[in-house]
Amino acid sequence: MPVFLDSSAADFDAAFRALLGAKREDAPDVDDVVAGIIADVRARGDAAVIELTAKFDRLDLTPETLAFSPEEIEAECARVPAEERQALEQAAERIRAYHEKQMPEDARWTDAAGASLGWRWTPVSAAGLYVPGGLASYPSSVLMNAIPAQVAGVERLVICAPTPGGKANPLVLLAAKLAGVETVYRIGGAQAIAAMAYGTETIAPVDKITGPGNAFVAAAKRRVFGRVGIDMIAGPSEILVIADKHNDPDWVALDLLSQAEHDESAQSILVTDDAGFGRAVAAAVEKRLETLERRKIAGASWRDFGAVIVARDLDEAAALSNRVAPEHLELCVEYPEALVEKVTHAGAIFLGQWTPEAIGDYVGGPNHVLPTARSARFSSGLSVMDFVKRTTIARMTPEALRAIGPAAETLAISESLQAHGLSVRARLDRLNEGEA
């Protein structure tokens, strides 16, 4: 059974803190193993990647077959049914349109001192996108990672997508094609992250790595950060639904289960101002679990990490949500536009009962790669901004240097950095000579 909490109870705050602090990831300590894999790939390149792929994915490769050939990609894409192809194309179109609006603009201006200042945005040169294999192989994630990179102008995009036993996912390859990615390596795990970070004889290194993965992939991303950029370390999925009584309990139950079915460690929370509605939703969840295909996974998630919280009012519900900082937040209330103003921490927000979170996973447009484990308090979901970097620009005229240079010289002297100060003073002296 999920946890039932009432904010008016005397022990509520302690119980709520316990809910926030519950450890949902039971990942083994893999860091030593991952460190060895990365060192092996750095030392032996292709040979290490090929051996590790044979060991973990039961797939024998050569340097020439590390990547899918264009013919193989075309053949796999041809296997995708027309309805699924059309859905993927619609998703790609909407995701691209949304992310095109995120592109930042360059800026230049002249300030009161006469200095010309500004910034410009340029894309990273190469990005590596990790796509999990097996049951967690999602073509939607390919679109969500690759399209922002493409929109940002990244020149070289590659994908690493493991194919255990040699079995590829045609939808993943079609998604790669729709997103403009021509190179898809059939490798995974920490060895794929190491190969993209450090390069091998066949795989050129990249500048940034994005995409979710298992505990080994997450540990590898942590270890290569600094050598390359990464997007985030993703944890189990989360959803928090704030709902009033003006909702169908079954709809809300399905929204909660839409995340619970991802992973036994996923978390689904309902916050409502109506205790009777909360009980109705819990009953609807149990009813749906009787027939849900992934009921074993979803049932364990709901039992171990689910929660129904009764708040005094919707304002308090928003305050509680801010403390959770959920990955996904649904505002299934009569006036969602008013309530959203009170939300400060959430990865993605879905307004009104006609906006299920699942729309955001596929065709809404905003990115579904989002901060988890309360990291929405300080971070954002994946976007075009993850694939560009800002370079500042400054130009001094003689008059501008005369106006602000002495302050720079003073500060340099105060920090005992003589050459800093002299580099300014030499120019100021030249200006003074010119006046003499």
Protein backbone atom coordinates (compact mmCIF):
# COMPACT_ATOMS: atom_id res chain seq x y z
CA MET A 1 0.00 0.00 0.00
CA PRO A 2 1.20 3.54 -0.69
CA VAL A 3 1.79 6.02 2.12
CA PHE A 4 -1.26 8.08 3.14
CA LEU A 5 -0.42 11.44 4.73
CA ASP A 6 -2.55 14.29 6.02
CA SER A 7 -0.94 17.71 6.39
CA SER A 8 -3.12 18.46 9.42
CA ALA A 9 -1.71 15.50 11.37
CA ALA A 10 0.70 16.26 14.21
CA ASP A 11 3.42 14.02 12.80
CA PHE A 12 3.00 15.12 9.19
CA ASP A 13 6.23 17.08 8.83
CA ALA A 14 8.36 14.19 10.05
CA ALA A 15 6.50 11.74 7.81
CA PHE A 16 6.83 14.06 4.81
CA ARG A 17 10.57 14.48 5.41
CA ALA A 18 10.89 10.69 5.54
CA LEU A 19 9.09 10.49 2.18
CA LEU A 20 11.51 13.02 0.70
CA GLY A 21 14.52 11.20 2.08
CA ALA A 22 13.52 7.69 1.03
CA LYS A 23 16.29 6.03 -0.97
CA ARG A 24 14.76 4.76 -4.21
CA GLU A 25 17.88 3.59 -6.01
CA ASP A 26 19.35 0.28 -4.97
CA ALA A 27 22.19 0.36 -7.47
CA PRO A 28 25.25 -1.75 -6.68
CA ASP A 29 28.56 -0.07 -6.07
CA VAL A 30 29.83 -0.21 -9.63
CA ASP A 31 32.36 2.59 -9.58
CA ASP A 32 35.44 0.36 -9.32
CA VAL A 33 34.20 -1.81 -12.18
CA VAL A 34 33.47 1.23 -14.31
CA ALA A 35 36.88 2.73 -13.57
CA GLY A 36 38.47 -0.46 -14.86
CA ILE A 37 36.35 -0.44 -18.01
CA ILE A 38 37.23 3.16 -18.79
CA ALA A 39 40.93 2.51 -18.24
CA ASP A 40 40.73 -0.54 -20.51
CA VAL A 41 39.03 1.39 -23.32
CA ARG A 42 41.56 4.21 -23.02
CA ALA A 43 44.43 1.75 -23.24
CA ARG A 44 43.17 -0.69 -25.87
CA GLY A 45 40.54 1.23 -27.83
CA ASP A 46 38.49 -0.82 -30.28
CA ALA A 47 39.77 -4.14 -28.92
CA ALA A 48 38.45 -3.39 -25.42
CA VAL A 49 35.08 -2.16 -26.72
CA ILE A 50 34.69 -5.28 -28.88
CA GLU A 51 35.60 -7.66 -26.05
CA LEU A 52 33.27 -5.95 -23.57
CA THR A 53 30.41 -5.94 -26.09
CA ALA A 54 30.84 -9.68 -26.60
CA LYS A 55 30.87 -10.19 -22.83
CA PHE A 56 27.89 -8.02 -21.87
CA ASP A 57 25.76 -7.95 -25.04
CA ARG A 58 26.55 -11.38 -26.50
CA LEU A 59 27.45 -9.72 -29.78
CA ASP A 60 30.61 -10.29 -31.80
CA LEU A 61 31.78 -7.19 -33.65
CA THR A 62 34.77 -5.97 -35.62
CA PRO A 63 35.99 -2.39 -36.05
CA GLU A 64 34.15 -2.36 -39.38
CA THR A 65 30.83 -3.44 -37.82
CA LEU A 66 30.84 -1.28 -34.69
CA ALA A 67 28.42 1.05 -36.47
CA PHE A 68 25.34 0.16 -38.46
CA SER A 69 25.93 0.50 -42.18
CA PRO A 70 23.61 2.83 -44.16
CA GLU A 71 22.11 -0.25 -45.78
CA GLU A 72 21.37 -1.84 -42.41
CA ILE A 73 19.73 1.35 -41.17
CA GLU A 74 17.54 1.56 -44.28
CA ALA A 75 16.54 -2.09 -43.96
CA GLU A 76 15.60 -1.70 -40.29
CA CYS A 77 13.67 1.53 -40.94
CA ALA A 78 11.68 -0.21 -43.66
CA ARG A 79 10.36 -2.61 -41.02
CA VAL A 80 8.58 0.15 -39.11
CA PRO A 81 4.78 0.02 -39.64
CA ALA A 82 3.28 3.07 -41.35
CA GLU A 83 1.25 4.16 -38.31
CA GLU A 84 4.30 4.13 -36.04
CA ARG A 85 6.38 5.93 -38.66
CA GLN A 86 3.77 8.67 -38.95
CA ALA A 87 3.56 9.05 -35.18
CA LEU A 88 7.34 9.32 -34.91
CA GLU A 89 7.44 11.87 -37.73
CA GLN A 90 4.76 13.97 -36.01
CA ALA A 91 6.68 13.80 -32.75
CA ALA A 92 9.92 14.83 -34.47
CA GLU A 93 8.21 17.78 -36.15
CA ARG A 94 6.71 19.05 -32.90
CA ILE A 95 9.90 18.56 -30.89
CA ARG A 96 11.92 20.40 -33.52
CA ALA A 97 9.46 23.31 -33.68
CA TYR A 98 9.53 23.72 -29.90
CA HIS A 99 13.30 23.60 -29.60
CA GLU A 100 13.86 26.04 -32.47
CA LYS A 101 12.23 28.68 -30.29
CA GLN A 102 14.85 28.07 -27.59
CA MET A 103 17.79 29.26 -29.65
CA PRO A 104 19.45 32.16 -27.82
CA GLU A 105 20.50 35.36 -29.58
CA ASP A 106 23.90 37.01 -29.75
CA ALA A 107 24.16 40.49 -28.26
CA ARG A 108 26.51 43.51 -28.57
CA TRP A 109 26.21 46.99 -27.06
CA THR A 110 28.32 49.99 -26.10
CA ASP A 111 28.19 51.04 -22.46
CA ALA A 112 28.52 54.50 -20.90
CA ALA A 113 32.32 54.25 -20.79
CA GLY A 114 32.47 53.59 -24.51
CA ALA A 115 33.38 49.90 -24.16
CA SER A 116 31.83 47.49 -26.63
CA LEU A 117 30.54 44.39 -24.81
CA GLY A 118 28.46 41.36 -25.57
CA TRP A 119 28.33 37.64 -26.08
CA ARG A 120 27.83 35.09 -28.81
CA TRP A 121 26.56 31.52 -28.81
CA THR A 122 28.25 28.68 -30.67
CA PRO A 123 27.45 24.95 -30.70
CA VAL A 124 29.68 22.22 -29.39
CA SER A 125 31.44 20.56 -32.30
CA ALA A 126 30.45 16.95 -31.55
CA ALA A 127 27.92 15.26 -29.30
CA GLY A 128 27.42 11.63 -28.35
CA LEU A 129 23.91 10.48 -27.52
CA TYR A 130 23.44 7.38 -25.40
CA VAL A 131 20.31 5.30 -25.98
CA PRO A 132 19.64 2.36 -23.64
CA GLY A 133 18.96 -1.06 -25.10
CA GLY A 134 16.62 -3.89 -24.19
CA LEU A 135 13.33 -3.05 -22.45
CA ALA A 136 14.43 0.57 -21.93
CA SER A 137 15.03 1.22 -25.63
CA TYR A 138 12.88 4.23 -26.38
CA PRO A 139 12.85 5.94 -29.80
CA SER A 140 11.26 9.01 -28.20
CA SER A 141 14.48 9.52 -26.22
CA VAL A 142 16.46 9.53 -29.46
CA LEU A 143 14.35 12.43 -30.72
CA MET A 144 14.55 14.28 -27.41
CA ASN A 145 18.35 14.08 -27.33
CA ALA A 146 19.25 14.41 -31.00
CA ILE A 147 16.87 17.11 -32.20
CA PRO A 148 17.98 19.82 -29.72
CA ALA A 149 21.58 19.07 -30.69
CA GLN A 150 20.74 19.32 -34.36
CA VAL A 151 18.80 22.56 -33.86
CA ALA A 152 21.76 23.97 -31.91
CA GLY A 153 23.97 23.35 -34.94
CA VAL A 154 26.16 20.54 -33.63
CA GLU A 155 28.26 19.47 -36.60
CA ARG A 156 28.81 15.81 -35.68
CA LEU A 157 26.25 13.66 -33.89
CA VAL A 158 26.69 10.00 -33.03
CA ILE A 159 24.53 7.56 -31.12
CA CYS A 160 25.55 4.57 -29.04
CA ALA A 161 22.69 2.10 -28.75
CA PRO A 162 23.44 -1.42 -27.47
CA THR A 163 21.84 -4.31 -29.33
CA PRO A 164 21.90 -7.30 -26.94
CA GLY A 165 22.12 -10.49 -28.91
CA GLY A 166 22.36 -8.43 -32.09
CA LYS A 167 18.69 -7.43 -32.00
CA ALA A 168 18.14 -3.84 -33.10
CA ASN A 169 15.10 -1.66 -32.49
CA PRO A 170 13.89 -0.41 -35.90
CA LEU A 171 12.09 2.55 -34.30
CA VAL A 172 15.31 3.70 -32.64
CA LEU A 173 17.11 3.69 -35.98
CA LEU A 174 14.22 5.49 -37.68
CA ALA A 175 14.24 8.11 -34.93
CA ALA A 176 17.97 8.59 -35.49
CA LYS A 177 17.37 9.06 -39.20
CA LEU A 178 14.56 11.57 -38.61
CA ALA A 179 16.82 13.50 -36.23
CA GLY A 180 19.63 13.65 -38.78
CA VAL A 181 22.03 11.24 -37.08
CA GLU A 182 23.87 9.09 -39.59
CA THR A 183 26.29 7.23 -37.28
CA VAL A 184 24.81 4.74 -34.82
CA TYR A 185 27.20 2.46 -32.94
CA ARG A 186 25.76 -0.82 -31.64
CA ILE A 187 27.59 -0.65 -28.34
CA GLY A 188 26.49 0.25 -24.84
CA GLY A 189 27.41 0.36 -21.18
CA ALA A 190 30.38 2.12 -19.60
CA GLN A 191 32.52 1.08 -22.57
CA ALA A 192 30.36 3.18 -24.92
CA ILE A 193 30.66 6.22 -22.66
CA ALA A 194 34.43 5.77 -22.46
CA ALA A 195 34.71 5.39 -26.23
CA MET A 196 32.76 8.59 -26.85
CA ALA A 197 34.73 10.50 -24.22
CA TYR A 198 38.27 9.38 -25.09
CA GLY A 199 37.91 7.98 -28.60
CA THR A 200 39.20 4.75 -30.11
CA GLU A 201 40.76 3.88 -33.44
CA THR A 202 37.26 3.83 -34.98
CA ILE A 203 35.19 6.10 -32.74
CA ALA A 204 36.15 9.78 -32.68
CA PRO A 205 35.78 11.52 -29.29
CA VAL A 206 32.94 13.97 -28.71
CA ASP A 207 32.58 17.14 -26.65
CA LYS A 208 29.34 16.33 -24.83
CA ILE A 209 27.49 13.15 -23.88
CA THR A 210 23.77 13.06 -23.14
CA GLY A 211 21.17 10.39 -22.56
CA PRO A 212 20.03 8.05 -19.78
CA GLY A 213 21.37 4.64 -18.85
CA ASN A 214 21.79 2.06 -16.10
CA ALA A 215 24.03 2.30 -13.03
CA PHE A 216 27.16 1.53 -15.09
CA VAL A 217 26.36 4.26 -17.63
CA ALA A 218 25.61 6.77 -14.87
CA ALA A 219 28.88 5.97 -13.08
CA ALA A 220 30.79 6.28 -16.35
CA LYS A 221 29.26 9.67 -17.09
CA ARG A 222 30.29 10.88 -13.64
CA ARG A 223 33.86 9.71 -14.26
CA VAL A 224 34.29 11.26 -17.73
CA PHE A 225 32.74 14.59 -16.75
CA GLY A 226 35.43 17.24 -17.16
CA ARG A 227 36.94 15.45 -20.10
CA VAL A 228 33.56 15.97 -21.80
CA GLY A 229 30.36 17.68 -20.77
CA ILE A 230 27.35 15.65 -19.70
CA ASP A 231 23.68 16.50 -19.40
CA MET A 232 22.76 15.05 -15.99
CA ILE A 233 22.74 11.87 -13.93
CA ALA A 234 19.18 10.64 -14.28
CA GLY A 235 17.45 8.74 -11.49
CA PRO A 236 14.16 6.82 -11.41
CA SER A 237 11.09 8.49 -12.92
CA GLU A 238 8.80 10.67 -10.81
CA ILE A 239 5.37 12.22 -11.09
CA LEU A 240 3.44 14.41 -8.67
CA VAL A 241 -0.20 15.18 -9.42
CA ILE A 242 -2.04 17.99 -7.68
CA ALA A 243 -5.71 17.29 -8.20
CA ASP A 244 -8.97 18.64 -6.83
CA LYS A 245 -12.25 16.74 -6.69
CA HIS A 246 -13.29 18.00 -10.15
CA ASN A 247 -11.43 15.12 -11.83
CA ASP A 248 -12.03 11.55 -12.91
CA PRO A 249 -10.20 9.38 -10.32
CA ASP A 250 -9.40 6.83 -13.02
CA TRP A 251 -7.65 9.43 -15.18
CA VAL A 252 -5.46 10.50 -12.28
CA ALA A 253 -4.79 6.86 -11.39
CA LEU A 254 -3.57 6.21 -14.93
CA ASP A 255 -1.33 9.29 -14.82
CA LEU A 256 0.26 8.00 -11.61
CA LEU A 257 0.75 4.56 -13.15
CA SER A 258 2.26 6.05 -16.30
CA GLN A 259 5.43 6.67 -14.31
CA ALA A 260 5.14 3.72 -11.95
CA GLU A 261 5.30 1.32 -14.90
CA HIS A 262 8.75 2.62 -15.87
CA ASP A 263 10.64 1.14 -12.95
CA GLU A 264 10.06 -0.45 -9.57
CA SER A 265 12.00 2.49 -8.12
CA ALA A 266 9.81 5.12 -9.80
CA GLN A 267 7.67 7.33 -7.57
CA SER A 268 4.10 8.54 -8.02
CA ILE A 269 2.57 11.03 -5.61
CA LEU A 270 -0.94 12.48 -5.45
CA VAL A 271 -1.56 15.69 -3.51
CA THR A 272 -5.22 16.65 -3.13
CA ASP A 273 -7.33 18.92 -0.98
CA ASP A 274 -10.09 16.30 -0.81
CA ALA A 275 -9.52 13.15 1.25
CA GLY A 276 -12.42 11.31 -0.38
CA PHE A 277 -10.98 11.98 -3.83
CA GLY A 278 -7.60 10.69 -2.66
CA ARG A 279 -9.17 7.42 -1.53
CA ALA A 280 -11.03 7.13 -4.85
CA VAL A 281 -7.79 7.55 -6.81
CA ALA A 282 -6.03 4.92 -4.68
CA ALA A 283 -8.89 2.51 -5.34
CA ALA A 284 -8.72 3.25 -9.06
CA VAL A 285 -4.99 2.51 -9.07
CA GLU A 286 -5.59 -0.89 -7.47
CA LYS A 287 -8.30 -1.64 -10.03
CA ARG A 288 -6.05 -0.72 -12.97
CA LEU A 289 -3.21 -2.82 -11.55
CA GLU A 290 -5.36 -5.91 -12.03
CA THR A 291 -5.05 -5.65 -15.83
CA LEU A 292 -1.98 -3.49 -16.51
CA GLU A 293 0.61 -5.32 -18.61
CA ARG A 294 3.48 -4.05 -16.46
CA ARG A 295 1.54 -4.52 -13.22
CA LYS A 296 4.41 -6.27 -11.47
CA ILE A 297 6.69 -3.27 -11.97
CA ALA A 298 4.02 -0.62 -11.46
CA GLY A 299 2.59 -2.42 -8.44
CA ALA A 300 5.96 -2.57 -6.70
CA SER A 301 6.58 1.13 -7.41
CA TRP A 302 3.17 2.17 -6.07
CA ARG A 303 3.45 -0.10 -3.04
CA ASP A 304 6.95 0.89 -2.01
CA PHE A 305 7.19 4.54 -3.05
CA GLY A 306 3.69 5.80 -3.86
CA ALA A 307 1.96 8.39 -1.70
CA VAL A 308 -1.41 10.10 -1.31
CA ILE A 309 -1.17 13.41 0.56
CA VAL A 310 -4.17 15.39 1.74
CA ALA A 311 -3.39 19.12 1.92
CA ARG A 312 -5.43 21.84 3.61
CA ASP A 313 -5.82 23.70 0.31
CA LEU A 314 -4.25 23.98 -3.13
CA ASP A 315 -1.79 26.66 -2.04
CA GLU A 316 -0.38 24.24 0.51
CA ALA A 317 -0.38 21.53 -2.17
CA ALA A 318 1.85 23.75 -4.34
CA ALA A 319 4.16 24.43 -1.39
CA LEU A 320 4.51 20.70 -0.73
CA SER A 321 5.20 20.10 -4.41
CA ASN A 322 7.98 22.69 -4.32
CA ARG A 323 9.61 20.74 -1.52
CA VAL A 324 9.46 17.58 -3.63
CA ALA A 325 10.68 19.38 -6.82
CA PRO A 326 9.25 16.60 -8.99
CA GLU A 327 10.46 15.59 -12.41
CA HIS A 328 6.87 15.78 -13.74
CA LEU A 329 4.10 17.88 -12.18
CA GLU A 330 0.48 17.72 -13.27
CA LEU A 331 -1.90 20.45 -12.13
CA CYS A 332 -5.28 18.77 -12.51
CA VAL A 333 -7.25 21.59 -10.92
CA GLU A 334 -10.06 23.87 -11.99
CA TYR A 335 -7.76 26.90 -12.41
CA PRO A 336 -4.29 25.59 -13.28
CA GLU A 337 -3.03 28.91 -14.65
CA ALA A 338 -3.46 30.49 -11.23
CA LEU A 339 -1.83 27.60 -9.37
CA VAL A 340 1.18 27.38 -11.69
CA GLU A 341 2.26 30.83 -10.49
CA LYS A 342 2.90 29.29 -7.06
CA VAL A 343 5.15 26.54 -8.43
CA THR A 344 8.88 27.26 -8.33
CA HIS A 345 10.52 23.81 -8.57
CA ALA A 346 9.52 21.24 -11.21
CA GLY A 347 11.15 19.68 -14.24
CA ALA A 348 8.05 19.95 -16.43
CA ILE A 349 4.53 21.16 -15.66
CA PHE A 350 1.34 19.90 -17.32
CA LEU A 351 -1.67 22.19 -16.96
CA GLY A 352 -5.22 20.90 -16.60
CA GLN A 353 -6.89 17.53 -16.71
CA TRP A 354 -6.63 17.30 -20.50
CA THR A 355 -2.81 17.33 -20.42
CA PRO A 356 -1.55 13.92 -19.29
CA GLU A 357 2.19 13.67 -18.67
CA ALA A 358 2.43 11.04 -21.42
CA ILE A 359 1.82 13.76 -24.01
CA GLY A 360 5.07 15.32 -22.85
CA ASP A 361 6.90 12.02 -23.23
CA TYR A 362 6.12 11.84 -26.92
CA VAL A 363 4.51 14.64 -28.91
CA GLY A 364 3.98 17.70 -26.73
CA GLY A 365 7.17 19.40 -27.88
CA PRO A 366 9.08 20.19 -24.65
CA ASN A 367 11.90 17.83 -23.78
CA HIS A 368 11.25 14.74 -21.66
CA VAL A 369 14.84 14.46 -20.41
CA LEU A 370 14.26 16.07 -17.01
CA PRO A 371 15.92 16.51 -13.61
CA THR A 372 15.07 13.83 -11.03
CA ALA A 373 15.77 13.20 -7.35
CA ARG A 374 14.79 16.77 -6.35
CA SER A 375 17.42 18.26 -8.66
CA ALA A 376 14.73 20.43 -10.28
CA ARG A 377 15.53 22.74 -7.35
CA PHE A 378 18.65 23.82 -9.23
CA SER A 379 18.64 22.38 -12.74
CA SER A 380 16.57 22.20 -15.91
CA GLY A 381 15.56 19.64 -18.48
CA LEU A 382 17.56 19.01 -21.64
CA SER A 383 17.35 21.78 -24.22
CA VAL A 384 19.16 23.49 -27.04
CA MET A 385 21.12 25.29 -24.32
CA ASP A 386 22.86 22.01 -23.45
CA PHE A 387 24.51 21.97 -26.88
CA VAL A 388 25.66 25.58 -27.13
CA LYS A 389 28.09 27.63 -25.09
CA ARG A 390 28.33 31.35 -24.53
CA THR A 391 31.50 33.28 -25.31
CA THR A 392 31.79 36.80 -23.95
CA ILE A 393 33.13 39.65 -26.08
CA ALA A 394 34.76 42.92 -25.00
CA ARG A 395 36.46 45.73 -26.91
CA MET A 396 38.01 48.81 -25.32
CA THR A 397 38.53 52.08 -27.12
CA PRO A 398 41.33 54.36 -25.83
CA GLU A 399 38.68 56.48 -24.12
CA ALA A 400 37.07 53.43 -22.50
CA LEU A 401 40.44 52.17 -21.24
CA ARG A 402 41.18 55.59 -19.82
CA ALA A 403 37.82 55.52 -18.00
CA ILE A 404 37.97 52.08 -16.43
CA GLY A 405 41.62 51.00 -16.71
CA PRO A 406 42.82 52.65 -13.47
CA ALA A 407 40.31 50.63 -11.46
CA ALA A 408 41.57 47.42 -13.05
CA GLU A 409 45.17 48.42 -12.24
CA THR A 410 44.24 49.14 -8.63
CA LEU A 411 42.54 45.77 -8.18
CA ALA A 412 45.46 43.94 -9.81
CA ILE A 413 47.89 45.57 -7.38
CA SER A 414 45.63 44.65 -4.45
CA GLU A 415 45.81 41.02 -5.57
CA SER A 416 49.61 41.16 -5.98
CA LEU A 417 49.39 40.37 -9.68
CA GLN A 418 51.97 42.79 -11.01
CA ALA A 419 51.85 41.84 -14.68
CA HIS A 420 48.08 42.25 -14.69
CA GLY A 421 48.42 45.81 -13.51
CA LEU A 422 51.36 46.60 -15.77
CA SER A 423 49.49 45.36 -18.87
CA VAL A 424 46.92 48.10 -18.21
CA ARG A 425 49.43 50.74 -17.03
CA ALA A 426 51.57 50.37 -20.18
CA ARG A 427 48.61 51.31 -22.35
CA LEU A 428 47.53 54.15 -20.10
CA ASP A 429 51.06 55.55 -20.17
CA ARG A 430 51.05 55.45 -23.96
CA LEU A 431 47.79 57.39 -23.99
CA ASN A 432 49.27 59.94 -21.58
CA GLU A 433 52.40 60.28 -23.76
CA GLY A 434 50.19 61.00 -26.74
CA GLU A 435 48.61 63.92 -24.90
CA ALA A 436 51.92 65.40 -23.85
